[in-house]
Structures are given as C-alpha cells and as structure tokens.
C-alpha cells in the first residue's frame, strides 16, 4: 500500500522560505507522477506544482516564480521549495501520487 509522508511545514514570517518534503513508501518512486496541492482555510484545493506529460515542471499561477518542485530518486522524496512566502500561502499542503494523498503538512505565514 502506497503511503506518502510530508514534512517540513511550520511558521514562517512573510518573505521567508520553507522546504517541504514528501517521502513515498510502498511503491516505486516516480518523480513525474508527483504533485503538490494546498487547501487554505475556507477554500478548496488548489494545484501548486507538478509535472506536465513531457516531464516539465508546472506551477499554479499564484506560486509560479516563487516555488520549485524537485525530487531525489534515491531518497524517494519530492520537494517543494517555497520562497517569498506571503500570508495567503498559509494552507495545508498535500503531496499526491496517482490518486493517493498524504496526510498534509501545515504552513503558516505570519508576522
């Protein structure tokens, strides 16, 4: 059974950075199958980052230019590097693999 384990969330001041990690357990890691979504308080799920069919990274409009998705095949981990964080980036962040969701990791951006 596939399990995704996120980590790296926390509280950061506006303008700060965080790096989220998502470890894949129970399945062969495939970076191109991974994606990140988020859910802000009172809002629906929002696509954050993933990969297009040709393997190029793609980003949601609100994070493009600030967030970077990457991965480590040896560590079976996908990362989300987040920079220039703003209060409206506050959300529960999830990694996803082929319909399987992690438990989510909270990111709070506040002064």
Foldseek 3Di string as FASTA:
>chain_A
DKAKAKDWADEAEQQAKTKMKIAIPDDQADQQQKFKWWDAPPGDIGGAWHADPVGHIDGDPVQPPFWDWDDDNVRSMIMIIGGRDDQVVFTFMWMDGPHDIHPTDTHGYHD
